[in-house]
Amino acid sequence: MGYYKGMINPVIKPSSELRKNYNTIAEICRTGKVPVFLTRNGEGDTVLMDMETYSRREEDLIVAERLMDAERRRMAGEKGYTIEELEESLTEAIKLGAAEGKKDNAQYV
């Protein structure tokens, strides 16, 4: 069948099982936080998972895509920043924002 994020023994059910035992299969997804692989005529057909697991997986994919994009840009020679440079830049931005806020709020004093 296949391999899913470290699963040695994935949960595999025939698609007909979904019609007969939806609640049981949904409970496997919710409590085990694992997808259930559905087959049709013995071949992989569909994957069913609970909403929390799906949302977490989507978030993980977004992070992975951002990391891959950053790595591609780094490999292409785009300048990056050290943690120290980032901290310095953020500290300066916060100071500027605070100063602007004080200036804007001075009219209300």
Protein backbone atom coordinates (compact mmCIF):
# COMPACT_ATOMS: atom_id res chain seq x y z
CA MET A 1 0.00 0.00 0.00
CA GLY A 2 2.42 2.68 1.09
CA TYR A 3 4.18 4.59 3.77
CA TYR A 4 2.73 7.48 5.73
CA LYS A 5 4.92 9.65 8.00
CA GLY A 6 6.54 6.88 9.98
CA MET A 7 3.60 4.49 9.93
CA ILE A 8 4.88 0.94 9.84
CA ASN A 9 1.37 -0.55 9.84
CA PRO A 10 -1.02 1.85 8.13
CA VAL A 11 -4.75 1.39 8.70
CA ILE A 12 -6.14 -0.05 5.47
CA LYS A 13 -9.83 -0.81 4.90
CA PRO A 14 -11.89 -1.68 1.83
CA SER A 15 -14.10 1.19 0.67
CA SER A 16 -17.18 -0.96 1.31
CA GLU A 17 -16.26 -0.81 5.00
CA LEU A 18 -16.83 2.94 4.96
CA ARG A 19 -20.48 2.48 4.00
CA LYS A 20 -21.03 -0.20 6.63
CA ASN A 21 -18.99 1.23 9.51
CA TYR A 22 -18.46 4.95 9.00
CA ASN A 23 -18.57 5.75 12.73
CA THR A 24 -15.94 3.13 13.54
CA ILE A 25 -13.59 4.33 10.82
CA ALA A 26 -14.10 7.98 11.79
CA GLU A 27 -13.31 7.07 15.41
CA ILE A 28 -10.06 5.37 14.30
CA CYS A 29 -9.10 8.62 12.55
CA ARG A 30 -10.02 10.84 15.49
CA THR A 31 -8.56 8.82 18.34
CA GLY A 32 -5.48 7.48 16.56
CA LYS A 33 -4.74 10.75 14.73
CA VAL A 34 -3.87 8.60 11.72
CA PRO A 35 -5.31 8.44 8.22
CA VAL A 36 -7.27 5.42 7.07
CA PHE A 37 -6.38 4.22 3.58
CA LEU A 38 -9.40 2.97 1.64
CA THR A 39 -9.08 0.47 -1.19
CA ARG A 40 -11.30 -0.33 -4.13
CA ASN A 41 -10.86 -3.71 -5.81
CA GLY A 42 -7.70 -4.21 -3.76
CA GLU A 43 -6.03 -1.01 -4.99
CA GLY A 44 -5.42 2.19 -3.05
CA ASP A 45 -8.23 4.65 -3.73
CA THR A 46 -8.83 7.23 -0.99
CA VAL A 47 -7.38 8.48 2.29
CA LEU A 48 -9.66 9.54 5.14
CA MET A 49 -8.45 11.58 8.13
CA ASP A 50 -9.95 13.69 10.90
CA MET A 51 -10.04 17.48 10.56
CA GLU A 52 -7.40 18.14 13.25
CA THR A 53 -4.89 15.82 11.59
CA TYR A 54 -5.68 17.29 8.18
CA SER A 55 -5.23 20.88 9.45
CA ARG A 56 -1.94 20.02 11.16
CA ARG A 57 -0.69 18.34 7.98
CA GLU A 58 -1.65 21.36 5.87
CA GLU A 59 0.20 23.67 8.29
CA ASP A 60 3.25 21.38 8.14
CA LEU A 61 3.17 21.52 4.34
CA ILE A 62 3.01 25.32 4.34
CA VAL A 63 6.05 25.50 6.64
CA ALA A 64 7.91 22.95 4.49
CA GLU A 65 7.14 24.96 1.34
CA ARG A 66 8.44 28.15 2.96
CA LEU A 67 11.61 26.41 4.09
CA MET A 68 12.17 24.97 0.61
CA ASP A 69 11.63 28.41 -0.93
CA ALA A 70 14.11 30.00 1.49
CA GLU A 71 16.65 27.27 0.75
CA ARG A 72 16.22 27.74 -3.03
CA ARG A 73 16.78 31.48 -2.63
CA ARG A 74 19.84 30.86 -0.44
CA MET A 75 21.27 28.43 -3.00
CA ALA A 76 20.67 31.05 -5.72
CA GLY A 77 22.85 33.48 -3.78
CA GLU A 78 20.18 35.69 -2.22
CA LYS A 79 21.47 37.47 0.87
CA GLY A 80 20.24 36.11 4.16
CA TYR A 81 20.42 37.46 7.68
CA THR A 82 22.00 36.13 10.84
CA ILE A 83 19.91 35.85 14.01
CA GLU A 84 21.82 38.82 15.41
CA GLU A 85 21.07 40.96 12.33
CA LEU A 86 17.39 39.99 12.53
CA GLU A 87 17.19 40.81 16.24
CA GLU A 88 18.86 44.19 15.65
CA SER A 89 16.47 45.00 12.81
CA LEU A 90 13.40 43.99 14.83
CA THR A 91 14.56 45.94 17.89
CA GLU A 92 15.02 49.05 15.74
CA ALA A 93 11.58 48.59 14.15
CA ILE A 94 9.97 48.25 17.59
CA LYS A 95 11.72 51.41 18.83
CA LEU A 96 10.57 53.34 15.74
CA GLY A 97 7.03 52.06 16.16
CA ALA A 98 7.00 53.00 19.83
CA ALA A 99 8.31 56.49 19.03
CA GLU A 100 5.63 56.97 16.35
CA GLY A 101 2.95 55.77 18.78
CA LYS A 102 4.07 58.29 21.42
CA LYS A 103 4.04 61.07 18.81
CA ASP A 104 0.53 60.10 17.62
CA ASN A 105 -0.79 59.83 21.16
CA ALA A 106 0.70 63.22 22.21
CA GLN A 107 -2.28 65.00 20.65
CA TYR A 108 -4.60 63.31 23.17
CA VAL A 109 -2.62 64.44 26.26
